[in-house]
């Protein structure tokens, strides 16, 4: 195995009620923990989202309200899930933009203050898009030479993500094999927050990466437009993004 680990990497995937990070909920989570000694530990759990699963979501992952009616809520399993992530790096497919912010939001709702800043993130989709821009099914076909059976099931997608990353490392000699360097490569930008709403520029300043102030220095915007901070706090943004804006605002007031 070319991937060099000094601590475990948890590959994970979520199936959800939808794609709204603030409003939607997890219905299934799979984790595949790859240890430095090569051991692989798989865990999958379905979650009662405490809300109806829309038909369009069920059409993708095939999980119905009846399937999760007797399952625990996220609040009941949050502490156990957080424990499995402690001391690990985290990998997924489109995980930096969706899965990690949604998981962070679920932890917040459950009252679990998990510190994602201690983990390094590897978004396999970013590597794939830099090399061969397609989807997970196409990535699996391209890198692993097989069709992905059970696509849009959390465990199948999680296994496939791990296998694609390991195949990418075998295929591309210029890819770094150490997790820290690989995490940097897998970032489309130098993100300040997990979702990339703020990025660092070449002077290590936090730059807003969306909306009417895109490309502007966040600290300057917060100083000149105080109402912008209130809009962020009241808006449909991940908890981590709001924390970063708050940190910048407090720093500017010192």
Protein backbone atom coordinates (compact mmCIF):
# COMPACT_ATOMS: atom_id res chain seq x y z
CA UNK A 1 0.00 0.00 0.00
CA UNK A 2 1.49 3.34 -1.07
CA UNK A 3 -0.56 5.41 1.35
CA UNK A 4 1.70 6.31 4.29
CA UNK A 5 -0.19 6.58 7.55
CA UNK A 6 0.90 7.71 10.98
CA UNK A 7 -2.64 7.48 12.32
CA UNK A 8 -5.90 5.93 11.05
CA UNK A 9 -7.89 7.40 8.19
CA UNK A 10 -11.67 7.13 8.41
CA UNK A 11 -13.35 6.95 5.02
CA UNK A 12 -17.02 7.76 5.42
CA UNK A 13 -20.18 8.42 3.47
CA UNK A 14 -23.63 9.68 4.42
CA UNK A 15 -27.05 8.94 3.01
CA UNK A 16 -29.42 11.75 3.90
CA UNK A 17 -32.90 13.17 3.56
CA UNK A 18 -31.57 15.77 1.13
CA UNK A 19 -28.72 18.14 0.36
CA UNK A 20 -29.50 21.10 2.65
CA UNK A 21 -26.78 21.05 5.30
CA UNK A 22 -28.86 23.00 7.84
CA UNK A 23 -32.24 21.34 7.31
CA UNK A 24 -31.59 17.77 6.20
CA UNK A 25 -30.65 14.79 8.33
CA UNK A 26 -28.57 11.61 8.14
CA UNK A 27 -30.35 8.32 7.48
CA UNK A 28 -27.27 6.12 7.11
CA UNK A 29 -23.57 6.49 7.87
CA UNK A 30 -20.76 4.13 6.92
CA UNK A 31 -17.21 4.32 8.18
CA UNK A 32 -14.26 2.34 6.90
CA UNK A 33 -11.26 2.88 9.18
CA UNK A 34 -7.90 2.16 7.56
CA UNK A 35 -5.18 1.67 10.18
CA UNK A 36 -1.44 2.29 9.69
CA UNK A 37 -0.82 -1.47 9.95
CA UNK A 38 -3.23 -2.12 7.06
CA UNK A 39 -6.18 -3.32 9.14
CA UNK A 40 -9.58 -2.28 7.81
CA UNK A 41 -12.59 -1.95 10.14
CA UNK A 42 -16.03 -1.33 8.63
CA UNK A 43 -19.10 -0.02 10.46
CA UNK A 44 -22.49 0.98 9.06
CA UNK A 45 -25.46 2.31 10.97
CA UNK A 46 -28.86 3.54 9.90
CA UNK A 47 -30.30 6.56 11.68
CA UNK A 48 -33.86 7.64 12.36
CA UNK A 49 -33.82 11.23 10.99
CA UNK A 50 -36.92 12.21 12.97
CA UNK A 51 -38.45 13.57 9.77
CA UNK A 52 -40.00 11.99 6.66
CA UNK A 53 -37.56 10.88 4.00
CA UNK A 54 -38.55 12.58 0.73
CA UNK A 55 -39.39 10.26 -2.16
CA UNK A 56 -36.64 11.80 -4.30
CA UNK A 57 -34.07 10.90 -1.65
CA UNK A 58 -35.40 7.35 -1.31
CA UNK A 59 -35.17 7.01 -5.09
CA UNK A 60 -31.41 7.53 -4.81
CA UNK A 61 -30.43 5.52 -1.72
CA UNK A 62 -33.52 3.25 -1.45
CA UNK A 63 -33.96 3.87 2.28
CA UNK A 64 -37.57 4.38 3.36
CA UNK A 65 -39.26 5.70 6.49
CA UNK A 66 -40.10 2.11 7.48
CA UNK A 67 -36.43 1.10 7.14
CA UNK A 68 -35.35 3.58 9.82
CA UNK A 69 -38.43 3.72 12.05
CA UNK A 70 -36.88 1.47 14.72
CA UNK A 71 -33.34 2.83 14.38
CA UNK A 72 -31.72 5.17 16.93
CA UNK A 73 -31.72 8.92 16.42
CA UNK A 74 -28.47 10.74 15.73
CA UNK A 75 -28.53 12.21 19.23
CA UNK A 76 -28.49 8.68 20.67
CA UNK A 77 -25.37 7.62 18.73
CA UNK A 78 -23.53 10.93 18.34
CA UNK A 79 -21.07 10.44 21.20
CA UNK A 80 -20.17 6.95 19.98
CA UNK A 81 -19.64 8.18 16.42
CA UNK A 82 -17.48 11.07 17.59
CA UNK A 83 -15.35 8.67 19.63
CA UNK A 84 -14.62 6.64 16.50
CA UNK A 85 -13.26 9.76 14.77
CA UNK A 86 -10.96 10.97 17.55
CA UNK A 87 -7.30 10.82 16.55
CA UNK A 88 -8.11 10.06 12.92
CA UNK A 89 -7.83 11.80 9.59
CA UNK A 90 -10.99 11.88 7.48
CA UNK A 91 -11.58 11.00 3.83
CA UNK A 92 -14.61 10.91 1.60
CA UNK A 93 -16.02 11.73 -1.82
CA UNK A 94 -17.23 15.36 -1.99
CA UNK A 95 -16.87 15.22 1.78
CA UNK A 96 -15.35 18.67 2.29
CA UNK A 97 -18.34 20.41 0.73
CA UNK A 98 -21.16 18.18 1.97
CA UNK A 99 -20.59 15.18 4.26
CA UNK A 100 -18.30 16.84 6.82
CA UNK A 101 -20.35 20.08 7.17
CA UNK A 102 -23.56 18.03 7.50
CA UNK A 103 -21.98 15.70 10.07
CA UNK A 104 -20.73 18.77 11.96
CA UNK A 105 -24.26 20.21 11.94
CA UNK A 106 -25.67 16.94 13.27
CA UNK A 107 -23.08 16.90 16.07
CA UNK A 108 -24.10 20.45 17.00
CA UNK A 109 -27.79 19.52 17.13
CA UNK A 110 -26.88 16.55 19.35
CA UNK A 111 -24.83 18.70 21.70
CA UNK A 112 -21.53 17.02 20.82
CA UNK A 113 -18.68 19.51 20.32
CA UNK A 114 -16.41 17.50 18.03
CA UNK A 115 -13.31 19.43 16.92
CA UNK A 116 -12.83 18.77 13.21
CA UNK A 117 -9.83 21.10 13.12
CA UNK A 118 -7.64 18.35 14.55
CA UNK A 119 -8.19 16.12 11.51
CA UNK A 120 -6.71 16.38 8.03
CA UNK A 121 -9.23 15.95 5.22
CA UNK A 122 -8.77 14.05 1.99
CA UNK A 123 -11.55 14.68 -0.51
CA UNK A 124 -11.06 11.93 -3.08
CA UNK A 125 -13.40 13.73 -5.48
CA UNK A 126 -11.01 16.68 -5.64
CA UNK A 127 -8.11 14.40 -6.57
CA UNK A 128 -10.30 12.70 -9.14
CA UNK A 129 -11.48 15.97 -10.64
CA UNK A 130 -7.90 17.16 -10.91
CA UNK A 131 -6.97 13.97 -12.72
CA UNK A 132 -10.13 12.62 -14.40
CA UNK A 133 -13.22 14.83 -13.78
CA UNK A 134 -16.23 12.47 -13.46
CA UNK A 135 -18.44 10.73 -10.85
CA UNK A 136 -17.75 8.04 -8.24
CA UNK A 137 -19.26 5.33 -10.46
CA UNK A 138 -17.04 6.43 -13.36
CA UNK A 139 -14.06 6.81 -11.03
CA UNK A 140 -14.50 3.24 -9.79
CA UNK A 141 -14.79 1.98 -13.35
CA UNK A 142 -11.72 3.94 -14.44
CA UNK A 143 -9.39 3.25 -11.53
CA UNK A 144 -10.58 -0.14 -10.31
CA UNK A 145 -11.62 -1.67 -13.64
CA UNK A 146 -15.04 -2.79 -12.41
CA UNK A 147 -18.64 -1.66 -12.13
CA UNK A 148 -19.69 -0.29 -8.75
CA UNK A 149 -22.40 -2.57 -7.39
CA UNK A 150 -24.82 -0.98 -4.94
CA UNK A 151 -23.99 2.63 -5.80
CA UNK A 152 -25.66 5.15 -3.48
CA UNK A 153 -25.59 2.71 -0.61
CA UNK A 154 -23.40 4.21 2.11
CA UNK A 155 -21.17 1.15 2.61
CA UNK A 156 -20.72 0.47 -1.12
CA UNK A 157 -19.84 4.11 -1.77
CA UNK A 158 -17.48 4.21 1.22
CA UNK A 159 -15.64 1.06 0.18
CA UNK A 160 -15.42 2.34 -3.38
CA UNK A 161 -14.00 5.68 -2.21
CA UNK A 162 -11.22 3.93 -0.30
CA UNK A 163 -10.45 1.62 -3.23
CA UNK A 164 -10.39 4.56 -5.66
CA UNK A 165 -7.90 6.49 -3.50
CA UNK A 166 -5.59 3.48 -3.18
CA UNK A 167 -5.82 2.92 -6.95
CA UNK A 168 -5.08 6.62 -7.58
CA UNK A 169 -1.90 6.31 -5.53
CA UNK A 170 -0.84 3.29 -7.56
CA UNK A 171 -1.60 5.00 -10.88
CA UNK A 172 -0.08 8.45 -10.30
CA UNK A 173 3.54 8.45 -9.20
CA UNK A 174 3.40 12.21 -8.60
CA UNK A 175 0.68 11.95 -5.94
CA UNK A 176 2.03 12.39 -2.41
CA UNK A 177 1.66 9.29 -0.24
CA UNK A 178 1.85 11.01 3.15
CA UNK A 179 -1.55 12.07 4.49
CA UNK A 180 -0.60 15.68 5.26
CA UNK A 181 0.68 16.37 1.76
CA UNK A 182 -2.16 14.39 0.21
CA UNK A 183 -4.69 16.41 2.19
CA UNK A 184 -3.18 19.63 0.81
CA UNK A 185 -3.29 18.25 -2.74
CA UNK A 186 -6.91 17.16 -2.33
CA UNK A 187 -8.03 20.70 -1.43
CA UNK A 188 -9.26 22.74 -4.38
CA UNK A 189 -8.32 25.82 -2.35
CA UNK A 190 -6.60 26.54 0.95
CA UNK A 191 -9.83 26.50 2.92
CA UNK A 192 -10.27 28.45 6.12
CA UNK A 193 -13.56 26.74 6.98
CA UNK A 194 -14.47 23.18 6.10
CA UNK A 195 -16.92 24.08 3.33
CA UNK A 196 -14.55 26.53 1.63
CA UNK A 197 -16.72 29.60 2.02
CA UNK A 198 -13.51 31.33 3.14
CA UNK A 199 -10.09 30.64 1.64
CA UNK A 200 -6.56 31.88 2.34
CA UNK A 201 -4.79 34.03 -0.23
CA UNK A 202 -1.03 34.08 -0.78
CA UNK A 203 -0.70 36.47 2.18
CA UNK A 204 -2.63 34.08 4.46
CA UNK A 205 -5.56 36.49 4.68
CA UNK A 206 -9.09 35.05 4.92
CA UNK A 207 -10.88 35.75 1.63
CA UNK A 208 -14.64 35.41 1.13
CA UNK A 209 -15.23 32.79 -1.56
CA UNK A 210 -18.92 33.32 -2.42
CA UNK A 211 -21.60 35.92 -3.00
CA UNK A 212 -21.38 39.66 -3.49
CA UNK A 213 -18.12 39.98 -1.53
CA UNK A 214 -16.34 37.12 -3.25
CA UNK A 215 -12.63 37.87 -3.48
CA UNK A 216 -12.73 40.46 -0.66
CA UNK A 217 -10.77 40.24 2.60
CA UNK A 218 -13.24 39.00 5.23
CA UNK A 219 -11.93 41.18 8.04
CA UNK A 220 -12.31 44.32 5.91
CA UNK A 221 -15.84 43.37 4.87
CA UNK A 222 -16.91 42.70 8.47
CA UNK A 223 -15.51 46.08 9.51
CA UNK A 224 -17.16 48.07 6.70
CA UNK A 225 -20.47 46.17 6.63
CA UNK A 226 -21.44 45.10 10.19
CA UNK A 227 -24.78 43.81 8.94
CA UNK A 228 -23.00 41.17 6.87
CA UNK A 229 -21.98 39.29 10.03
CA UNK A 230 -25.60 39.19 11.23
CA UNK A 231 -26.67 37.91 7.82
CA UNK A 232 -24.10 35.11 8.04
CA UNK A 233 -25.19 34.14 11.56
CA UNK A 234 -28.85 34.02 10.57
CA UNK A 235 -28.24 32.37 7.21
CA UNK A 236 -28.15 28.80 5.98
CA UNK A 237 -24.43 28.28 6.59
CA UNK A 238 -22.60 25.41 8.31
CA UNK A 239 -21.75 25.85 11.98
CA UNK A 240 -18.04 25.72 11.21
CA UNK A 241 -18.34 28.60 8.72
CA UNK A 242 -20.15 30.72 11.31
CA UNK A 243 -17.46 29.94 13.89
CA UNK A 244 -14.73 31.12 11.52
CA UNK A 245 -16.55 34.37 10.75
CA UNK A 246 -17.00 34.91 14.51
CA UNK A 247 -13.30 34.30 15.14
CA UNK A 248 -12.34 36.84 12.47
CA UNK A 249 -14.80 39.39 13.83
CA UNK A 250 -13.56 39.03 17.42
CA UNK A 251 -9.95 39.25 16.32
CA UNK A 252 -10.66 42.47 14.41
CA UNK A 253 -12.14 44.08 17.54
CA UNK A 254 -9.02 43.56 19.64
